[in-house]
Amino acid sequence: MAQTSLPARPGFGYSVLLALGMAATVGTALGFQYIGGYIPCALCLLQRQPYYYGIPVAILAALSALLGLPSWITRGLLAIAGILMVVGAGMGVYHSGVEWHFWAGPATCSTSASSMTSNAGDLLGELNSVKGPSCTDAALRVLGLSFAGWNVIASIILAAIAFAGARKAA
């Protein structure tokens, strides 16, 4: 019985793993927000952006590899996704430093979350004045790391996957 082999799809597995890893990471953050009730601060929301941009890029890299497009396209897309994750790691380091009071956070971080009024007439007026929690206080620490610290670890692992995939797609 003759075995047929599928043509090699350099970078495909890495791209799929990267997209799934990014989706799982940002999905976990969204789960903590919407299921766990942890309100993200301004820096937390900012750290999600590399994932929001990176997931479609990783999916495009997978499609590029699957369709057999020139390898430079897959490599380029994986490199872009890797760079996005390096940026995400840098943002996480910055946020962790703010939480540990190594440096000041941006002015967009409030000092406390304000409460909403129970008066329906004032509700619309107060929507514009409500701010998220302070960026200087970690909402939760697991094994000594805040959400920002865990984002650094996840981003570095995902960047390594992206760059390894770009190297293999050559």
Protein backbone atom coordinates (compact mmCIF):
# COMPACT_ATOMS: atom_id res chain seq x y z
CA MET A 1 0.00 0.00 0.00
CA ALA A 2 1.54 3.29 -1.08
CA GLN A 3 1.51 6.13 1.36
CA THR A 4 0.91 9.59 0.11
CA SER A 5 2.44 12.43 1.98
CA LEU A 6 1.11 15.92 2.21
CA PRO A 7 3.33 18.61 0.81
CA ALA A 8 5.39 20.40 3.44
CA ARG A 9 3.77 23.54 4.75
CA PRO A 10 6.66 25.37 6.41
CA GLY A 11 5.42 27.67 9.14
CA PHE A 12 1.84 26.38 9.17
CA GLY A 13 2.00 24.59 12.52
CA TYR A 14 3.80 27.50 14.16
CA SER A 15 1.24 29.96 12.78
CA VAL A 16 -1.70 27.92 14.08
CA LEU A 17 -0.03 27.43 17.47
CA LEU A 18 0.70 31.16 17.62
CA ALA A 19 -2.86 32.18 16.75
CA LEU A 20 -4.30 29.74 19.28
CA GLY A 21 -1.85 30.86 21.96
CA MET A 22 -2.67 34.51 21.38
CA ALA A 23 -6.40 33.80 21.43
CA ALA A 24 -6.07 31.78 24.65
CA THR A 25 -4.04 34.53 26.33
CA VAL A 26 -6.34 37.41 25.47
CA GLY A 27 -9.36 35.13 26.03
CA THR A 28 -8.11 34.46 29.55
CA ALA A 29 -7.83 38.21 30.17
CA LEU A 30 -11.36 38.72 28.87
CA GLY A 31 -12.56 35.84 31.05
CA PHE A 32 -11.07 37.44 34.16
CA GLN A 33 -12.82 40.66 33.15
CA TYR A 34 -16.28 39.41 32.20
CA ILE A 35 -16.55 36.24 34.29
CA GLY A 36 -14.25 37.04 37.22
CA GLY A 37 -15.26 40.69 37.54
CA TYR A 38 -11.73 42.11 37.40
CA ILE A 39 -12.02 45.57 35.85
CA PRO A 40 -8.95 46.30 33.69
CA CYS A 41 -7.02 49.52 34.07
CA ALA A 42 -5.94 51.66 31.11
CA LEU A 43 -2.58 49.85 30.77
CA CYS A 44 -4.27 46.44 30.93
CA LEU A 45 -6.49 47.41 28.02
CA LEU A 46 -3.49 48.75 26.12
CA GLN A 47 -1.60 45.46 26.57
CA ARG A 48 -4.36 43.59 24.75
CA GLN A 49 -3.83 45.48 21.50
CA PRO A 50 -0.81 43.46 20.28
CA TYR A 51 -3.00 40.35 20.62
CA TYR A 52 -5.92 41.94 18.77
CA TYR A 53 -3.57 42.84 15.90
CA GLY A 54 -1.45 39.70 16.14
CA ILE A 55 -4.20 37.08 15.93
CA PRO A 56 -5.28 38.08 12.39
CA VAL A 57 -1.62 38.32 11.33
CA ALA A 58 -0.95 34.79 12.63
CA ILE A 59 -4.07 33.51 10.86
CA LEU A 60 -2.87 35.12 7.63
CA ALA A 61 0.51 33.43 8.12
CA ALA A 62 -1.25 30.07 8.51
CA LEU A 63 -3.28 30.68 5.38
CA SER A 64 -0.16 31.75 3.51
CA ALA A 65 1.60 28.51 4.46
CA LEU A 66 -1.48 26.38 3.78
CA LEU A 67 -2.01 27.88 0.34
CA GLY A 68 1.64 27.45 -0.53
CA LEU A 69 2.33 31.15 -1.10
CA PRO A 70 5.97 32.18 -1.31
CA SER A 71 7.74 31.46 1.97
CA TRP A 72 8.81 35.09 2.40
CA ILE A 73 5.14 36.01 2.95
CA THR A 74 4.71 33.46 5.74
CA ARG A 75 8.07 34.43 7.24
CA GLY A 76 7.19 38.12 7.11
CA LEU A 77 3.81 37.62 8.72
CA LEU A 78 5.30 35.47 11.49
CA ALA A 79 8.02 38.08 12.05
CA ILE A 80 5.37 40.81 12.34
CA ALA A 81 3.45 38.72 14.86
CA GLY A 82 6.68 38.12 16.79
CA ILE A 83 7.45 41.83 16.86
CA LEU A 84 3.94 42.52 18.14
CA MET A 85 4.53 40.06 20.98
CA VAL A 86 7.88 41.70 21.82
CA VAL A 87 6.03 45.03 22.00
CA GLY A 88 3.41 43.36 24.21
CA ALA A 89 6.16 42.06 26.52
CA GLY A 90 7.62 45.57 26.73
CA MET A 91 4.23 46.97 27.63
CA GLY A 92 3.89 44.32 30.32
CA VAL A 93 7.31 45.19 31.76
CA TYR A 94 6.32 48.87 31.82
CA HIS A 95 3.01 48.09 33.55
CA SER A 96 4.72 45.79 36.06
CA GLY A 97 7.16 48.59 36.86
CA VAL A 98 4.25 50.94 37.47
CA GLU A 99 2.66 48.38 39.79
CA TRP A 100 5.91 47.93 41.74
CA HIS A 101 6.31 51.76 41.85
CA PHE A 102 9.60 51.70 39.95
CA TRP A 103 8.28 54.58 37.80
CA ALA A 104 5.12 56.63 37.44
CA GLY A 105 2.28 55.48 35.24
CA PRO A 106 0.62 57.52 32.53
CA ALA A 107 -1.82 60.28 33.37
CA THR A 108 -4.68 58.17 31.97
CA CYS A 109 -4.48 55.90 35.01
CA SER A 110 -6.87 57.04 37.69
CA THR A 111 -6.17 56.76 41.38
CA SER A 112 -9.42 54.96 42.14
CA ALA A 113 -12.52 53.66 40.48
CA SER A 114 -15.48 55.91 41.09
CA SER A 115 -18.89 54.53 41.84
CA MET A 116 -21.95 54.96 39.68
CA THR A 117 -24.98 56.86 40.81
CA SER A 118 -28.26 55.13 41.42
CA ASN A 119 -30.16 58.14 40.09
CA ALA A 120 -31.15 57.41 36.49
CA GLY A 121 -31.21 61.12 35.68
CA ASP A 122 -27.51 61.44 36.50
CA LEU A 123 -26.49 58.17 34.88
CA LEU A 124 -25.63 59.56 31.44
CA GLY A 125 -23.76 62.47 32.96
CA GLU A 126 -21.63 60.19 35.11
CA LEU A 127 -20.75 57.76 32.33
CA ASN A 128 -18.22 60.26 31.01
CA SER A 129 -16.57 60.73 34.40
CA VAL A 130 -16.14 57.08 35.44
CA LYS A 131 -12.59 55.77 35.14
CA GLY A 132 -11.15 52.31 35.57
CA PRO A 133 -9.03 51.23 38.50
CA SER A 134 -5.57 52.57 39.14
CA CYS A 135 -2.71 51.16 37.08
CA THR A 136 -0.49 51.20 40.17
CA ASP A 137 -2.42 48.50 42.04
CA ALA A 138 -2.32 44.90 40.87
CA ALA A 139 -5.83 43.45 41.00
CA LEU A 140 -4.50 39.93 41.61
CA ARG A 141 -1.12 38.28 42.04
CA VAL A 142 -0.57 34.61 41.25
CA LEU A 143 2.81 33.16 42.27
CA GLY A 144 3.95 36.73 42.89
CA LEU A 145 3.11 37.98 39.41
CA SER A 146 0.29 40.32 38.43
CA PHE A 147 -1.67 40.06 35.19
CA ALA A 148 0.96 42.35 33.64
CA GLY A 149 3.77 40.06 34.78
CA TRP A 150 2.05 36.99 33.35
CA ASN A 151 1.53 38.91 30.12
CA VAL A 152 5.30 39.40 29.87
CA ILE A 153 5.86 35.64 30.15
CA ALA A 154 3.09 34.80 27.65
CA SER A 155 4.31 37.44 25.19
CA ILE A 156 7.91 36.18 25.32
CA ILE A 157 6.81 32.57 24.74
CA LEU A 158 4.56 33.61 21.86
CA ALA A 159 7.32 35.77 20.34
CA ALA A 160 9.67 32.78 20.51
CA ILE A 161 7.08 30.62 18.71
CA ALA A 162 6.63 33.28 16.03
CA PHE A 163 10.35 33.72 15.42
CA ALA A 164 10.97 29.96 15.42
CA GLY A 165 8.19 29.60 12.85
CA ALA A 166 9.68 32.37 10.71
CA ARG A 167 13.04 30.61 10.82
CA LYS A 168 11.50 27.22 9.86
CA ALA A 169 9.48 28.76 7.04
CA ALA A 170 12.66 29.85 5.31
